[in-house]
Amino acid sequence: MKDIYYRPDQTQQLDLLDKANHIKEDRTPEDLLFQLMLSWGLPLSLPIEQQIIDNQTVFFVAGNSLVACFDTLTPTLIDTVAQHKPLRFVSSEQAIHKDEDKTNFKERFKQLSPETEVKFI
């Protein structure tokens, strides 16, 4: 992750768009997944399976303990993942094109898999 602690007096308005994305440009989806696993205390030795759902790469850690997708989210992808009833689902803010989609995806999980904890980084 980028250093996101900026002081207002050191930030110019022209720089704000550059600071909107807090993920370093050279990071892969696997980098993000491993960082999340470490920050949540999940061992990196857990089995990780990759699946292609709606032309997007989705990671399943230890079955349905953690499901992550950092590619573009779609309603079909969300519905398919929710059917697996994961304990946690995580994605990045950049995977969402419209603000209302984030709310819609969270609500869809509440309908199909209410026990799933949904997070966006």
C-alpha atoms as a PDB file:
ATOM      1  CA  MET A   1       0.000   0.000   0.000  1.00  0.00           C
ATOM      2  CA  LYS A   2       1.080   3.542  -0.610  1.00  0.00           C
ATOM      3  CA  ASP A   3       1.787   5.918   2.235  1.00  0.00           C
ATOM      4  CA  ILE A   4      -1.614   7.557   2.571  1.00  0.00           C
ATOM      5  CA  TYR A   5      -0.902   9.822   5.492  1.00  0.00           C
ATOM      6  CA  TYR A   6      -0.626  13.221   3.874  1.00  0.00           C
ATOM      7  CA  ARG A   7      -0.649  16.560   5.577  1.00  0.00           C
ATOM      8  CA  PRO A   8      -3.095  19.085   4.118  1.00  0.00           C
ATOM      9  CA  ASP A   9      -0.441  21.765   3.977  1.00  0.00           C
ATOM     10  CA  GLN A  10       1.751  19.425   1.881  1.00  0.00           C
ATOM     11  CA  THR A  11      -0.969  18.493  -0.594  1.00  0.00           C
ATOM     12  CA  GLN A  12      -2.041  20.454  -3.637  1.00  0.00           C
ATOM     13  CA  GLN A  13      -5.373  20.074  -5.371  1.00  0.00           C
ATOM     14  CA  LEU A  14      -3.688  18.953  -8.592  1.00  0.00           C
ATOM     15  CA  ASP A  15      -2.218  15.981  -6.690  1.00  0.00           C
ATOM     16  CA  LEU A  16      -5.536  14.687  -5.311  1.00  0.00           C
ATOM     17  CA  LEU A  17      -6.345  12.340  -8.204  1.00  0.00           C
ATOM     18  CA  ASP A  18      -2.910  10.747  -7.894  1.00  0.00           C
ATOM     19  CA  LYS A  19      -3.597  10.097  -4.220  1.00  0.00           C
ATOM     20  CA  ALA A  20      -7.026   8.511  -4.770  1.00  0.00           C
ATOM     21  CA  ASN A  21      -5.588   5.032  -5.354  1.00  0.00           C
ATOM     22  CA  HIS A  22      -3.799   3.757  -2.248  1.00  0.00           C
ATOM     23  CA  ILE A  23      -2.521   0.549  -3.876  1.00  0.00           C
ATOM     24  CA  LYS A  24       0.943   0.705  -5.395  1.00  0.00           C
ATOM     25  CA  GLU A  25       0.843   0.457  -9.186  1.00  0.00           C
ATOM     26  CA  ASP A  26       3.266  -2.480  -9.425  1.00  0.00           C
ATOM     27  CA  ARG A  27       1.288  -4.772  -7.098  1.00  0.00           C
ATOM     28  CA  THR A  28      -0.293  -7.943  -8.429  1.00  0.00           C
ATOM     29  CA  PRO A  29      -3.556  -9.466  -7.203  1.00  0.00           C
ATOM     30  CA  GLU A  30      -1.468 -12.133  -5.454  1.00  0.00           C
ATOM     31  CA  ASP A  31       0.477  -9.402  -3.613  1.00  0.00           C
ATOM     32  CA  LEU A  32      -2.792  -7.924  -2.355  1.00  0.00           C
ATOM     33  CA  LEU A  33      -4.124 -11.332  -1.351  1.00  0.00           C
ATOM     34  CA  PHE A  34      -0.975 -12.215   0.631  1.00  0.00           C
ATOM     35  CA  GLN A  35      -0.988  -8.816   2.363  1.00  0.00           C
ATOM     36  CA  LEU A  36      -4.611  -9.331   3.395  1.00  0.00           C
ATOM     37  CA  MET A  37      -3.906 -12.827   4.643  1.00  0.00           C
ATOM     38  CA  LEU A  38      -1.003 -11.571   6.752  1.00  0.00           C
ATOM     39  CA  SER A  39      -2.954  -8.626   8.148  1.00  0.00           C
ATOM     40  CA  TRP A  40      -5.831 -10.934   9.132  1.00  0.00           C
ATOM     41  CA  GLY A  41      -3.508 -13.485  10.705  1.00  0.00           C
ATOM     42  CA  LEU A  42      -4.148 -16.203   8.119  1.00  0.00           C
ATOM     43  CA  PRO A  43      -1.167 -18.483   7.454  1.00  0.00           C
ATOM     44  CA  LEU A  44       0.258 -18.237   3.951  1.00  0.00           C
ATOM     45  CA  SER A  45       0.388 -22.038   3.942  1.00  0.00           C
ATOM     46  CA  LEU A  46      -3.405 -22.281   3.549  1.00  0.00           C
ATOM     47  CA  PRO A  47      -4.531 -23.749   0.224  1.00  0.00           C
ATOM     48  CA  ILE A  48      -5.378 -21.129  -2.411  1.00  0.00           C
ATOM     49  CA  GLU A  49      -7.427 -21.968  -5.472  1.00  0.00           C
ATOM     50  CA  GLN A  50      -7.930 -19.665  -8.438  1.00  0.00           C
ATOM     51  CA  GLN A  51     -11.157 -19.758 -10.398  1.00  0.00           C
ATOM     52  CA  ILE A  52     -12.268 -17.749 -13.395  1.00  0.00           C
ATOM     53  CA  ILE A  53     -15.783 -16.416 -12.807  1.00  0.00           C
ATOM     54  CA  ASP A  54     -17.371 -14.128 -15.390  1.00  0.00           C
ATOM     55  CA  ASN A  55     -13.912 -13.692 -17.004  1.00  0.00           C
ATOM     56  CA  GLN A  56     -12.390 -12.444 -13.720  1.00  0.00           C
ATOM     57  CA  THR A  57      -9.839 -14.138 -11.456  1.00  0.00           C
ATOM     58  CA  VAL A  58     -11.227 -15.080  -8.042  1.00  0.00           C
ATOM     59  CA  PHE A  59      -9.102 -16.493  -5.199  1.00  0.00           C
ATOM     60  CA  PHE A  60     -10.563 -19.015  -2.752  1.00  0.00           C
ATOM     61  CA  VAL A  61      -8.431 -19.374   0.399  1.00  0.00           C
ATOM     62  CA  ALA A  62      -9.002 -22.506   2.476  1.00  0.00           C
ATOM     63  CA  GLY A  63     -12.211 -23.310   0.650  1.00  0.00           C
ATOM     64  CA  ASN A  64     -14.577 -20.511   1.539  1.00  0.00           C
ATOM     65  CA  SER A  65     -12.655 -18.949   4.462  1.00  0.00           C
ATOM     66  CA  LEU A  66     -11.641 -15.987   2.329  1.00  0.00           C
ATOM     67  CA  VAL A  67     -12.675 -15.185  -1.218  1.00  0.00           C
ATOM     68  CA  ALA A  68     -10.975 -12.291  -2.990  1.00  0.00           C
ATOM     69  CA  CYS A  69     -11.317 -10.679  -6.387  1.00  0.00           C
ATOM     70  CA  PHE A  70      -9.355  -7.609  -7.431  1.00  0.00           C
ATOM     71  CA  ASP A  71     -10.581  -7.595 -11.035  1.00  0.00           C
ATOM     72  CA  THR A  72     -13.735  -5.813 -12.158  1.00  0.00           C
ATOM     73  CA  LEU A  73     -16.749  -6.911 -10.113  1.00  0.00           C
ATOM     74  CA  THR A  74     -19.968  -7.792 -11.886  1.00  0.00           C
ATOM     75  CA  PRO A  75     -23.396  -8.834 -10.615  1.00  0.00           C
ATOM     76  CA  THR A  76     -22.866 -12.331 -12.063  1.00  0.00           C
ATOM     77  CA  LEU A  77     -19.544 -12.673 -10.258  1.00  0.00           C
ATOM     78  CA  ILE A  78     -21.050 -11.507  -6.950  1.00  0.00           C
ATOM     79  CA  ASP A  79     -23.997 -13.907  -7.265  1.00  0.00           C
ATOM     80  CA  THR A  80     -21.684 -16.822  -8.047  1.00  0.00           C
ATOM     81  CA  VAL A  81     -19.309 -16.071  -5.184  1.00  0.00           C
ATOM     82  CA  ALA A  82     -22.186 -15.545  -2.735  1.00  0.00           C
ATOM     83  CA  GLN A  83     -23.480 -19.040  -3.558  1.00  0.00           C
ATOM     84  CA  HIS A  84     -20.252 -20.400  -2.015  1.00  0.00           C
ATOM     85  CA  LYS A  85     -21.205 -18.683   1.287  1.00  0.00           C
ATOM     86  CA  PRO A  86     -17.688 -17.409   2.070  1.00  0.00           C
ATOM     87  CA  LEU A  87     -16.823 -16.261   5.568  1.00  0.00           C
ATOM     88  CA  ARG A  88     -15.119 -13.169   4.093  1.00  0.00           C
ATOM     89  CA  PHE A  89     -15.162 -11.537   0.687  1.00  0.00           C
ATOM     90  CA  VAL A  90     -12.685  -8.803  -0.166  1.00  0.00           C
ATOM     91  CA  SER A  91     -12.073  -6.666  -3.212  1.00  0.00           C
ATOM     92  CA  SER A  92     -10.517  -3.332  -4.053  1.00  0.00           C
ATOM     93  CA  GLU A  93     -12.293  -0.029  -4.532  1.00  0.00           C
ATOM     94  CA  GLN A  94     -10.848   0.049  -8.063  1.00  0.00           C
ATOM     95  CA  ALA A  95     -12.840  -3.085  -8.934  1.00  0.00           C
ATOM     96  CA  ILE A  96     -16.039  -1.028  -8.751  1.00  0.00           C
ATOM     97  CA  HIS A  97     -16.955   1.388 -11.513  1.00  0.00           C
ATOM     98  CA  LYS A  98     -19.876   3.216  -9.898  1.00  0.00           C
ATOM     99  CA  ASP A  99     -20.343   4.148  -6.251  1.00  0.00           C
ATOM    100  CA  GLU A 100     -23.818   2.644  -6.132  1.00  0.00           C
ATOM    101  CA  ASP A 101     -22.418  -0.724  -7.227  1.00  0.00           C
ATOM    102  CA  LYS A 102     -20.556  -1.039  -3.932  1.00  0.00           C
ATOM    103  CA  THR A 103     -23.808  -0.704  -1.998  1.00  0.00           C
ATOM    104  CA  ASN A 104     -25.613  -3.041  -4.401  1.00  0.00           C
ATOM    105  CA  PHE A 105     -22.927  -5.714  -4.069  1.00  0.00           C
ATOM    106  CA  LYS A 106     -23.002  -5.531  -0.280  1.00  0.00           C
ATOM    107  CA  GLU A 107     -26.790  -5.811  -0.309  1.00  0.00           C
ATOM    108  CA  ARG A 108     -26.628  -8.763  -2.688  1.00  0.00           C
ATOM    109  CA  PHE A 109     -24.337 -10.568  -0.238  1.00  0.00           C
ATOM    110  CA  LYS A 110     -26.800  -9.787   2.573  1.00  0.00           C
ATOM    111  CA  GLN A 111     -29.531 -11.476   0.548  1.00  0.00           C
ATOM    112  CA  LEU A 112     -27.609 -14.521  -0.682  1.00  0.00           C
ATOM    113  CA  SER A 113     -25.003 -15.026   2.048  1.00  0.00           C
ATOM    114  CA  PRO A 114     -25.855 -12.917   5.114  1.00  0.00           C
ATOM    115  CA  GLU A 115     -23.002 -14.343   7.213  1.00  0.00           C
ATOM    116  CA  THR A 116     -20.336 -13.132   4.769  1.00  0.00           C
ATOM    117  CA  GLU A 117     -18.183 -10.220   5.930  1.00  0.00           C
ATOM    118  CA  VAL A 118     -17.649  -7.962   2.901  1.00  0.00           C
ATOM    119  CA  LYS A 119     -14.704  -5.550   2.737  1.00  0.00           C
ATOM    120  CA  PHE A 120     -13.268  -3.227   0.130  1.00  0.00           C
ATOM    121  CA  ILE A 121      -9.663  -2.040   0.325  1.00  0.00           C
END
